[in-house]
Amino acid sequence: MLTVTEVEHVGQHRLRLKFSDMTSQVIDFGPFLSAHSHPQHDKYRKLANFKRFKIERGNVVWGKDWDLIFPVAQLHQGYVGPAVY
């Protein structure tokens, strides 16, 4: 099963994600956050909140109750689609 093993903030709303298959991907979440307004994750447009990500169960998540999360397969492909919450 593919999982996220490391996450590094690399500027603005961009993260470098490393995966269990030893690959990595830099993903810009900024366009998604700007284009997909939702009260539960709008707060992550603010950089200080965006930088509060963590890895749980092999995925990068935001918020105490996983306010913002994306399928690992999409992240692995460098794609950020509609959030799953």
C-alpha atoms as a PDB file:
ATOM      1  CA  MET A   1       0.000   0.000   0.000  1.00  0.00           C
ATOM      2  CA  LEU A   2       1.364   3.410  -1.003  1.00  0.00           C
ATOM      3  CA  THR A   3       1.792   5.862   1.880  1.00  0.00           C
ATOM      4  CA  VAL A   4       3.262   9.297   2.560  1.00  0.00           C
ATOM      5  CA  THR A   5       6.418   8.887   4.647  1.00  0.00           C
ATOM      6  CA  GLU A   6       7.715  12.473   4.876  1.00  0.00           C
ATOM      7  CA  VAL A   7       6.415  15.983   4.233  1.00  0.00           C
ATOM      8  CA  GLU A   8       8.388  19.194   3.916  1.00  0.00           C
ATOM      9  CA  HIS A   9       7.065  22.722   3.417  1.00  0.00           C
ATOM     10  CA  VAL A  10       8.966  24.225   0.461  1.00  0.00           C
ATOM     11  CA  GLY A  11       7.319  27.631   0.125  1.00  0.00           C
ATOM     12  CA  GLN A  12       3.883  29.248   0.047  1.00  0.00           C
ATOM     13  CA  HIS A  13       1.323  26.445  -0.307  1.00  0.00           C
ATOM     14  CA  ARG A  14       3.816  23.943  -1.728  1.00  0.00           C
ATOM     15  CA  LEU A  15       4.844  20.711  -0.039  1.00  0.00           C
ATOM     16  CA  ARG A  16       7.398  18.080  -0.957  1.00  0.00           C
ATOM     17  CA  LEU A  17       5.936  14.661  -0.202  1.00  0.00           C
ATOM     18  CA  LYS A  18       7.989  11.476  -0.038  1.00  0.00           C
ATOM     19  CA  PHE A  19       6.246   8.171  -0.548  1.00  0.00           C
ATOM     20  CA  SER A  20       6.791   4.597   0.558  1.00  0.00           C
ATOM     21  CA  ASP A  21       7.919   3.650  -2.977  1.00  0.00           C
ATOM     22  CA  MET A  22      10.899   6.035  -2.519  1.00  0.00           C
ATOM     23  CA  THR A  23       9.530   8.647  -4.962  1.00  0.00           C
ATOM     24  CA  SER A  24       8.767  12.271  -4.163  1.00  0.00           C
ATOM     25  CA  GLN A  25       6.498  14.953  -5.532  1.00  0.00           C
ATOM     26  CA  VAL A  26       6.290  18.728  -5.004  1.00  0.00           C
ATOM     27  CA  ILE A  27       2.660  19.793  -4.974  1.00  0.00           C
ATOM     28  CA  ASP A  28       1.250  23.314  -4.998  1.00  0.00           C
ATOM     29  CA  PHE A  29      -1.989  23.294  -3.008  1.00  0.00           C
ATOM     30  CA  GLY A  30      -2.511  27.055  -3.543  1.00  0.00           C
ATOM     31  CA  PRO A  31      -4.563  26.834  -6.750  1.00  0.00           C
ATOM     32  CA  PHE A  32      -6.847  24.218  -5.189  1.00  0.00           C
ATOM     33  CA  LEU A  33      -7.397  26.307  -2.056  1.00  0.00           C
ATOM     34  CA  SER A  34      -8.163  29.376  -4.159  1.00  0.00           C
ATOM     35  CA  ALA A  35     -10.544  27.613  -6.535  1.00  0.00           C
ATOM     36  CA  HIS A  36     -12.434  25.327  -4.146  1.00  0.00           C
ATOM     37  CA  SER A  37     -13.981  27.346  -1.376  1.00  0.00           C
ATOM     38  CA  HIS A  38     -15.374  25.390   1.551  1.00  0.00           C
ATOM     39  CA  PRO A  39     -15.848  26.701   5.102  1.00  0.00           C
ATOM     40  CA  GLN A  40     -14.117  23.687   6.620  1.00  0.00           C
ATOM     41  CA  HIS A  41     -10.828  24.215   4.789  1.00  0.00           C
ATOM     42  CA  ASP A  42     -10.850  27.915   3.808  1.00  0.00           C
ATOM     43  CA  LYS A  43      -8.696  28.609   6.869  1.00  0.00           C
ATOM     44  CA  TYR A  44      -5.797  26.765   5.175  1.00  0.00           C
ATOM     45  CA  ARG A  45      -5.427  29.605   2.685  1.00  0.00           C
ATOM     46  CA  LYS A  46      -3.695  31.367   5.576  1.00  0.00           C
ATOM     47  CA  LEU A  47      -0.095  30.148   5.402  1.00  0.00           C
ATOM     48  CA  ALA A  48       0.292  29.748   9.176  1.00  0.00           C
ATOM     49  CA  ASN A  49      -2.623  27.286   9.207  1.00  0.00           C
ATOM     50  CA  PHE A  50      -1.509  25.505   6.045  1.00  0.00           C
ATOM     51  CA  LYS A  51       1.875  24.771   7.614  1.00  0.00           C
ATOM     52  CA  ARG A  52       0.181  22.825  10.431  1.00  0.00           C
ATOM     53  CA  PHE A  53       0.034  19.594   8.423  1.00  0.00           C
ATOM     54  CA  LYS A  54       0.918  16.200   9.818  1.00  0.00           C
ATOM     55  CA  ILE A  55       1.205  12.616   8.659  1.00  0.00           C
ATOM     56  CA  GLU A  56      -1.427  10.247  10.003  1.00  0.00           C
ATOM     57  CA  ARG A  57      -2.080   6.728   8.772  1.00  0.00           C
ATOM     58  CA  GLY A  58       0.208   7.272   5.796  1.00  0.00           C
ATOM     59  CA  ASN A  59      -1.434  10.450   4.545  1.00  0.00           C
ATOM     60  CA  VAL A  60      -0.813  14.156   4.949  1.00  0.00           C
ATOM     61  CA  VAL A  61      -3.711  15.775   6.800  1.00  0.00           C
ATOM     62  CA  TRP A  62      -4.713  19.118   8.256  1.00  0.00           C
ATOM     63  CA  GLY A  63      -6.856  19.743  11.303  1.00  0.00           C
ATOM     64  CA  LYS A  64      -7.762  17.774  14.383  1.00  0.00           C
ATOM     65  CA  ASP A  65     -10.489  15.892  12.531  1.00  0.00           C
ATOM     66  CA  TRP A  66      -8.769  15.740   9.137  1.00  0.00           C
ATOM     67  CA  ASP A  67     -10.407  18.939   7.862  1.00  0.00           C
ATOM     68  CA  LEU A  68      -8.371  18.633   4.682  1.00  0.00           C
ATOM     69  CA  ILE A  69      -7.079  15.383   3.170  1.00  0.00           C
ATOM     70  CA  PHE A  70      -6.418  14.118  -0.365  1.00  0.00           C
ATOM     71  CA  PRO A  71      -6.148  10.575  -1.758  1.00  0.00           C
ATOM     72  CA  VAL A  72      -2.537   9.378  -1.613  1.00  0.00           C
ATOM     73  CA  ALA A  73      -2.764   8.101  -5.208  1.00  0.00           C
ATOM     74  CA  GLN A  74      -3.590  11.638  -6.419  1.00  0.00           C
ATOM     75  CA  LEU A  75      -0.758  13.140  -4.397  1.00  0.00           C
ATOM     76  CA  HIS A  76       1.624  10.526  -5.800  1.00  0.00           C
ATOM     77  CA  GLN A  77       0.653  11.660  -9.315  1.00  0.00           C
ATOM     78  CA  GLY A  78       1.056  15.331  -8.369  1.00  0.00           C
ATOM     79  CA  TYR A  79      -2.661  15.927  -8.634  1.00  0.00           C
ATOM     80  CA  VAL A  80      -4.730  17.783  -6.049  1.00  0.00           C
ATOM     81  CA  GLY A  81      -8.417  17.264  -6.669  1.00  0.00           C
ATOM     82  CA  PRO A  82     -11.514  17.882  -4.587  1.00  0.00           C
ATOM     83  CA  ALA A  83     -10.834  17.435  -0.909  1.00  0.00           C
ATOM     84  CA  VAL A  84     -12.123  14.448   0.996  1.00  0.00           C
ATOM     85  CA  TYR A  85     -13.565  15.350   4.390  1.00  0.00           C
END
